[in-house]
Amino acid sequence: MLELDLVLLPFLDNVYPSLEQADKERYWKLLECEDQDMFAWFMHRQDPEDPELQRIVQIVRDNTGKPKDS
């Protein structure tokens, strides 16, 4: 889904490298989820039930649309 690429690819490039290992593992767990679920989470329509996913979804939300540090 293109919309997810627009959220997740910049996050992967700009934020992922600075995450703690546990959050990096949560990110890869997130990628195993259904596209429709992730889209709903990132659009603030729903929250994941899994606390591990809740954490990484919030990290992604908090960093979506932020410019890359120079």
PDB file of N, CA and C in Angstrom:
ATOM      1  N   MET A   1       0.852  -1.171   0.000  1.00  0.00           N
ATOM      2  CA  MET A   1       0.000   0.000   0.000  1.00  0.00           C
ATOM      3  C   MET A   1       0.903   1.242   0.000  1.00  0.00           C
ATOM      4  N   LEU A   2       0.730   2.078  -1.000  1.00  0.00           N
ATOM      5  CA  LEU A   2       1.577   3.264  -1.172  1.00  0.00           C
ATOM      6  C   LEU A   2       1.555   4.173   0.055  1.00  0.00           C
ATOM      7  N   GLU A   3       0.397   4.338   0.659  1.00  0.00           N
ATOM      8  CA  GLU A   3       0.288   5.214   1.826  1.00  0.00           C
ATOM      9  C   GLU A   3       1.198   4.740   2.959  1.00  0.00           C
ATOM     10  N   LEU A   4       1.285   3.438   3.133  1.00  0.00           N
ATOM     11  CA  LEU A   4       2.168   2.905   4.176  1.00  0.00           C
ATOM     12  C   LEU A   4       3.632   3.121   3.826  1.00  0.00           C
ATOM     13  N   ASP A   5       3.955   2.983   2.554  1.00  0.00           N
ATOM     14  CA  ASP A   5       5.332   3.252   2.123  1.00  0.00           C
ATOM     15  C   ASP A   5       5.729   4.687   2.444  1.00  0.00           C
ATOM     16  N   LEU A   6       4.794   5.611   2.279  1.00  0.00           N
ATOM     17  CA  LEU A   6       5.083   7.022   2.532  1.00  0.00           C
ATOM     18  C   LEU A   6       5.329   7.308   4.011  1.00  0.00           C
ATOM     19  N   VAL A   7       4.818   6.446   4.873  1.00  0.00           N
ATOM     20  CA  VAL A   7       5.046   6.577   6.316  1.00  0.00           C
ATOM     21  C   VAL A   7       6.276   5.775   6.740  1.00  0.00           C
ATOM     22  N   LEU A   8       6.334   4.524   6.312  1.00  0.00           N
ATOM     23  CA  LEU A   8       7.333   3.608   6.848  1.00  0.00           C
ATOM     24  C   LEU A   8       8.732   3.767   6.255  1.00  0.00           C
ATOM     25  N   LEU A   9       8.837   4.095   4.994  1.00  0.00           N
ATOM     26  CA  LEU A   9      10.173   4.215   4.396  1.00  0.00           C
ATOM     27  C   LEU A   9      10.969   5.392   4.961  1.00  0.00           C
ATOM     28  N   PRO A  10      10.374   6.589   5.085  1.00  0.00           N
ATOM     29  CA  PRO A  10      11.134   7.676   5.731  1.00  0.00           C
ATOM     30  C   PRO A  10      11.487   7.351   7.188  1.00  0.00           C
ATOM     31  N   PHE A  11      10.571   6.682   7.888  1.00  0.00           N
ATOM     32  CA  PHE A  11      10.846   6.276   9.262  1.00  0.00           C
ATOM     33  C   PHE A  11      12.050   5.333   9.293  1.00  0.00           C
ATOM     34  N   LEU A  12      12.065   4.384   8.380  1.00  0.00           N
ATOM     35  CA  LEU A  12      13.170   3.431   8.314  1.00  0.00           C
ATOM     36  C   LEU A  12      14.494   4.147   8.065  1.00  0.00           C
ATOM     37  N   ASP A  13      14.487   5.112   7.183  1.00  0.00           N
ATOM     38  CA  ASP A  13      15.714   5.850   6.856  1.00  0.00           C
ATOM     39  C   ASP A  13      16.159   6.796   7.962  1.00  0.00           C
ATOM     40  N   ASN A  14      15.211   7.487   8.579  1.00  0.00           N
ATOM     41  CA  ASN A  14      15.537   8.604   9.467  1.00  0.00           C
ATOM     42  C   ASN A  14      15.501   8.294  10.957  1.00  0.00           C
ATOM     43  N   VAL A  15      14.673   7.358  11.369  1.00  0.00           N
ATOM     44  CA  VAL A  15      14.472   7.120  12.804  1.00  0.00           C
ATOM     45  C   VAL A  15      14.972   5.741  13.233  1.00  0.00           C
ATOM     46  N   TYR A  16      14.682   4.752  12.421  1.00  0.00           N
ATOM     47  CA  TYR A  16      15.028   3.372  12.769  1.00  0.00           C
ATOM     48  C   TYR A  16      16.475   3.206  13.248  1.00  0.00           C
ATOM     49  N   PRO A  17      17.467   3.789  12.575  1.00  0.00           N
ATOM     50  CA  PRO A  17      18.852   3.573  13.017  1.00  0.00           C
ATOM     51  C   PRO A  17      19.116   3.991  14.464  1.00  0.00           C
ATOM     52  N   SER A  18      18.360   4.927  14.988  1.00  0.00           N
ATOM     53  CA  SER A  18      18.593   5.408  16.351  1.00  0.00           C
ATOM     54  C   SER A  18      17.730   4.702  17.399  1.00  0.00           C
ATOM     55  N   LEU A  19      16.889   3.771  16.977  1.00  0.00           N
ATOM     56  CA  LEU A  19      16.037   3.047  17.920  1.00  0.00           C
ATOM     57  C   LEU A  19      16.851   2.066  18.751  1.00  0.00           C
ATOM     58  N   GLU A  20      16.351   1.798  19.949  1.00  0.00           N
ATOM     59  CA  GLU A  20      16.925   0.730  20.762  1.00  0.00           C
ATOM     60  C   GLU A  20      16.603  -0.602  20.095  1.00  0.00           C
ATOM     61  N   GLN A  21      17.370  -1.626  20.396  1.00  0.00           N
ATOM     62  CA  GLN A  21      17.189  -2.929  19.754  1.00  0.00           C
ATOM     63  C   GLN A  21      15.768  -3.463  19.937  1.00  0.00           C
ATOM     64  N   ALA A  22      15.196  -3.316  21.116  1.00  0.00           N
ATOM     65  CA  ALA A  22      13.839  -3.821  21.358  1.00  0.00           C
ATOM     66  C   ALA A  22      12.829  -3.139  20.444  1.00  0.00           C
ATOM     67  N   ASP A  23      12.988  -1.845  20.209  1.00  0.00           N
ATOM     68  CA  ASP A  23      12.080  -1.131  19.315  1.00  0.00           C
ATOM     69  C   ASP A  23      12.318  -1.521  17.858  1.00  0.00           C
ATOM     70  N   LYS A  24      13.557  -1.821  17.504  1.00  0.00           N
ATOM     71  CA  LYS A  24      13.826  -2.319  16.151  1.00  0.00           C
ATOM     72  C   LYS A  24      13.106  -3.641  15.922  1.00  0.00           C
ATOM     73  N   GLU A  25      13.104  -4.498  16.925  1.00  0.00           N
ATOM     74  CA  GLU A  25      12.391  -5.773  16.821  1.00  0.00           C
ATOM     75  C   GLU A  25      10.888  -5.539  16.725  1.00  0.00           C
ATOM     76  N   ARG A  26      10.376  -4.566  17.452  1.00  0.00           N
ATOM     77  CA  ARG A  26       8.952  -4.229  17.355  1.00  0.00           C
ATOM     78  C   ARG A  26       8.601  -3.738  15.953  1.00  0.00           C
ATOM     79  N   TYR A  27       9.506  -2.980  15.347  1.00  0.00           N
ATOM     80  CA  TYR A  27       9.275  -2.480  13.989  1.00  0.00           C
ATOM     81  C   TYR A  27       9.109  -3.645  13.020  1.00  0.00           C
ATOM     82  N   TRP A  28       9.972  -4.642  13.120  1.00  0.00           N
ATOM     83  CA  TRP A  28       9.873  -5.793  12.217  1.00  0.00           C
ATOM     84  C   TRP A  28       8.619  -6.604  12.509  1.00  0.00           C
ATOM     85  N   LYS A  29       8.210  -6.655  13.762  1.00  0.00           N
ATOM     86  CA  LYS A  29       6.942  -7.316  14.105  1.00  0.00           C
ATOM     87  C   LYS A  29       5.777  -6.552  13.473  1.00  0.00           C
ATOM     88  N   LEU A  30       5.857  -5.237  13.496  1.00  0.00           N
ATOM     89  CA  LEU A  30       4.828  -4.393  12.888  1.00  0.00           C
ATOM     90  C   LEU A  30       4.668  -4.705  11.406  1.00  0.00           C
ATOM     91  N   LEU A  31       5.770  -4.912  10.713  1.00  0.00           N
ATOM     92  CA  LEU A  31       5.718  -5.162   9.274  1.00  0.00           C
ATOM     93  C   LEU A  31       5.029  -6.471   8.917  1.00  0.00           C
ATOM     94  N   GLU A  32       4.852  -7.346   9.891  1.00  0.00           N
ATOM     95  CA  GLU A  32       4.146  -8.605   9.664  1.00  0.00           C
ATOM     96  C   GLU A  32       2.630  -8.430   9.737  1.00  0.00           C
ATOM     97  N   CYS A  33       2.165  -7.278  10.169  1.00  0.00           N
ATOM     98  CA  CYS A  33       0.732  -7.019  10.316  1.00  0.00           C
ATOM     99  C   CYS A  33       0.089  -6.738   8.961  1.00  0.00           C
ATOM    100  N   GLU A  34      -1.218  -6.859   8.934  1.00  0.00           N
ATOM    101  CA  GLU A  34      -1.986  -6.573   7.722  1.00  0.00           C
ATOM    102  C   GLU A  34      -1.917  -5.088   7.389  1.00  0.00           C
ATOM    103  N   ASP A  35      -1.817  -4.785   6.104  1.00  0.00           N
ATOM    104  CA  ASP A  35      -1.755  -3.393   5.659  1.00  0.00           C
ATOM    105  C   ASP A  35      -2.942  -2.577   6.157  1.00  0.00           C
ATOM    106  N   GLN A  36      -4.137  -3.162   6.106  1.00  0.00           N
ATOM    107  CA  GLN A  36      -5.336  -2.430   6.515  1.00  0.00           C
ATOM    108  C   GLN A  36      -5.279  -2.058   7.991  1.00  0.00           C
ATOM    109  N   ASP A  37      -4.736  -2.954   8.798  1.00  0.00           N
ATOM    110  CA  ASP A  37      -4.601  -2.665  10.228  1.00  0.00           C
ATOM    111  C   ASP A  37      -3.603  -1.534  10.452  1.00  0.00           C
ATOM    112  N   MET A  38      -2.448  -1.635   9.800  1.00  0.00           N
ATOM    113  CA  MET A  38      -1.438  -0.583   9.967  1.00  0.00           C
ATOM    114  C   MET A  38      -1.972   0.766   9.503  1.00  0.00           C
ATOM    115  N   PHE A  39      -2.677   0.783   8.400  1.00  0.00           N
ATOM    116  CA  PHE A  39      -3.236   2.040   7.900  1.00  0.00           C
ATOM    117  C   PHE A  39      -4.179   2.653   8.935  1.00  0.00           C
ATOM    118  N   ALA A  40      -5.045   1.830   9.522  1.00  0.00           N
ATOM    119  CA  ALA A  40      -5.972   2.321  10.549  1.00  0.00           C
ATOM    120  C   ALA A  40      -5.209   2.846  11.764  1.00  0.00           C
ATOM    121  N   TRP A  41      -4.150   2.184  12.136  1.00  0.00           N
ATOM    122  CA  TRP A  41      -3.360   2.629  13.293  1.00  0.00           C
ATOM    123  C   TRP A  41      -2.686   3.963  13.021  1.00  0.00           C
ATOM    124  N   PHE A  42      -2.080   4.102  11.855  1.00  0.00           N
ATOM    125  CA  PHE A  42      -1.360   5.340  11.548  1.00  0.00           C
ATOM    126  C   PHE A  42      -2.291   6.511  11.283  1.00  0.00           C
ATOM    127  N   MET A  43      -3.523   6.229  10.916  1.00  0.00           N
ATOM    128  CA  MET A  43      -4.514   7.283  10.702  1.00  0.00           C
ATOM    129  C   MET A  43      -5.286   7.590  11.984  1.00  0.00           C
ATOM    130  N   HIS A  44      -4.851   7.004  13.105  1.00  0.00           N
ATOM    131  CA  HIS A  44      -5.473   7.221  14.426  1.00  0.00           C
ATOM    132  C   HIS A  44      -6.927   6.758  14.451  1.00  0.00           C
ATOM    133  N   ARG A  45      -7.284   5.808  13.619  1.00  0.00           N
ATOM    134  CA  ARG A  45      -8.645   5.261  13.628  1.00  0.00           C
ATOM    135  C   ARG A  45      -8.778   4.150  14.661  1.00  0.00           C
ATOM    136  N   GLN A  46      -7.692   3.477  14.912  1.00  0.00           N
ATOM    137  CA  GLN A  46      -7.647   2.377  15.875  1.00  0.00           C
ATOM    138  C   GLN A  46      -6.265   2.349  16.503  1.00  0.00           C
ATOM    139  N   ASP A  47      -6.169   1.590  17.577  1.00  0.00           N
ATOM    140  CA  ASP A  47      -4.873   1.308  18.184  1.00  0.00           C
ATOM    141  C   ASP A  47      -4.705  -0.206  18.226  1.00  0.00           C
ATOM    142  N   PRO A  48      -3.495  -0.682  18.083  1.00  0.00           N
ATOM    143  CA  PRO A  48      -3.278  -2.127  18.185  1.00  0.00           C
ATOM    144  C   PRO A  48      -3.601  -2.614  19.595  1.00  0.00           C
ATOM    145  N   GLU A  49      -4.047  -3.859  19.686  1.00  0.00           N
ATOM    146  CA  GLU A  49      -4.320  -4.437  21.001  1.00  0.00           C
ATOM    147  C   GLU A  49      -3.029  -4.844  21.703  1.00  0.00           C
ATOM    148  N   ASP A  50      -2.055  -5.263  20.944  1.00  0.00           N
ATOM    149  CA  ASP A  50      -0.772  -5.725  21.468  1.00  0.00           C
ATOM    150  C   ASP A  50       0.038  -4.530  21.983  1.00  0.00           C
ATOM    151  N   PRO A  51       0.420  -4.534  23.264  1.00  0.00           N
ATOM    152  CA  PRO A  51       1.195  -3.415  23.816  1.00  0.00           C
ATOM    153  C   PRO A  51       2.523  -3.182  23.093  1.00  0.00           C
ATOM    154  N   GLU A  52       3.150  -4.241  22.614  1.00  0.00           N
ATOM    155  CA  GLU A  52       4.401  -4.095  21.864  1.00  0.00           C
ATOM    156  C   GLU A  52       4.149  -3.298  20.588  1.00  0.00           C
ATOM    157  N   LEU A  53       3.070  -3.618  19.902  1.00  0.00           N
ATOM    158  CA  LEU A  53       2.725  -2.893  18.679  1.00  0.00           C
ATOM    159  C   LEU A  53       2.268  -1.476  18.997  1.00  0.00           C
ATOM    160  N   GLN A  54       1.562  -1.301  20.109  1.00  0.00           N
ATOM    161  CA  GLN A  54       1.141   0.047  20.500  1.00  0.00           C
ATOM    162  C   GLN A  54       2.350   0.958  20.622  1.00  0.00           C
ATOM    163  N   ARG A  55       3.410   0.447  21.221  1.00  0.00           N
ATOM    164  CA  ARG A  55       4.614   1.264  21.421  1.00  0.00           C
ATOM    165  C   ARG A  55       5.233   1.684  20.091  1.00  0.00           C
ATOM    166  N   ILE A  56       5.446   0.747  19.180  1.00  0.00           N
ATOM    167  CA  ILE A  56       6.105   1.104  17.930  1.00  0.00           C
ATOM    168  C   ILE A  56       5.193   1.943  17.049  1.00  0.00           C
ATOM    169  N   VAL A  57       3.902   1.700  17.081  1.00  0.00           N
ATOM    170  CA  VAL A  57       2.968   2.540  16.318  1.00  0.00           C
ATOM    171  C   VAL A  57       3.047   3.976  16.827  1.00  0.00           C
ATOM    172  N   GLN A  58       3.107   4.161  18.137  1.00  0.00           N
ATOM    173  CA  GLN A  58       3.201   5.519  18.681  1.00  0.00           C
ATOM    174  C   GLN A  58       4.518   6.182  18.290  1.00  0.00           C
ATOM    175  N   ILE A  59       5.592   5.427  18.292  1.00  0.00           N
ATOM    176  CA  ILE A  59       6.886   5.984  17.875  1.00  0.00           C
ATOM    177  C   ILE A  59       6.815   6.427  16.422  1.00  0.00           C
ATOM    178  N   VAL A  60       6.233   5.597  15.573  1.00  0.00           N
ATOM    179  CA  VAL A  60       6.098   5.969  14.157  1.00  0.00           C
ATOM    180  C   VAL A  60       5.212   7.202  14.027  1.00  0.00           C
ATOM    181  N   ARG A  61       4.072   7.205  14.713  1.00  0.00           N
ATOM    182  CA  ARG A  61       3.173   8.374  14.665  1.00  0.00           C
ATOM    183  C   ARG A  61       3.905   9.647  15.085  1.00  0.00           C
ATOM    184  N   ASP A  62       4.661   9.554  16.174  1.00  0.00           N
ATOM    185  CA  ASP A  62       5.366  10.730  16.703  1.00  0.00           C
ATOM    186  C   ASP A  62       6.412  11.270  15.736  1.00  0.00           C
ATOM    187  N   ASN A  63       6.888  10.432  14.843  1.00  0.00           N
ATOM    188  CA  ASN A  63       7.958  10.831  13.935  1.00  0.00           C
ATOM    189  C   ASN A  63       7.513  10.983  12.490  1.00  0.00           C
ATOM    190  N   THR A  64       6.237  10.846  12.229  1.00  0.00           N
ATOM    191  CA  THR A  64       5.730  10.981  10.868  1.00  0.00           C
ATOM    192  C   THR A  64       5.639  12.453  10.499  1.00  0.00           C
ATOM    193  N   GLY A  65       6.202  12.787   9.356  1.00  0.00           N
ATOM    194  CA  GLY A  65       6.127  14.155   8.859  1.00  0.00           C
ATOM    195  C   GLY A  65       7.195  15.078   9.393  1.00  0.00           C
ATOM    196  N   LYS A  66       8.083  14.558  10.234  1.00  0.00           N
ATOM    197  CA  LYS A  66       9.167  15.393  10.758  1.00  0.00           C
ATOM    198  C   LYS A  66      10.295  15.431   9.733  1.00  0.00           C
ATOM    199  N   PRO A  67      10.864  16.603   9.509  1.00  0.00           N
ATOM    200  CA  PRO A  67      11.980  16.687   8.555  1.00  0.00           C
ATOM    201  C   PRO A  67      13.212  15.974   9.088  1.00  0.00           C
ATOM    202  N   LYS A  68      13.994  15.462   8.174  1.00  0.00           N
ATOM    203  CA  LYS A  68      15.248  14.804   8.531  1.00  0.00           C
ATOM    204  C   LYS A  68      16.204  15.840   9.109  1.00  0.00           C
ATOM    205  N   ASP A  69      16.901  15.467  10.181  1.00  0.00           N
ATOM    206  CA  ASP A  69      17.898  16.372  10.775  1.00  0.00           C
ATOM    207  C   ASP A  69      19.017  16.619   9.778  1.00  0.00           C
ATOM    208  N   SER A  70      19.484  17.851   9.737  1.00  0.00           N
ATOM    209  CA  SER A  70      20.581  18.193   8.822  1.00  0.00           C
ATOM    210  C   SER A  70      21.916  17.898   9.454  1.00  0.00           C
TER     211      SER A  70
END
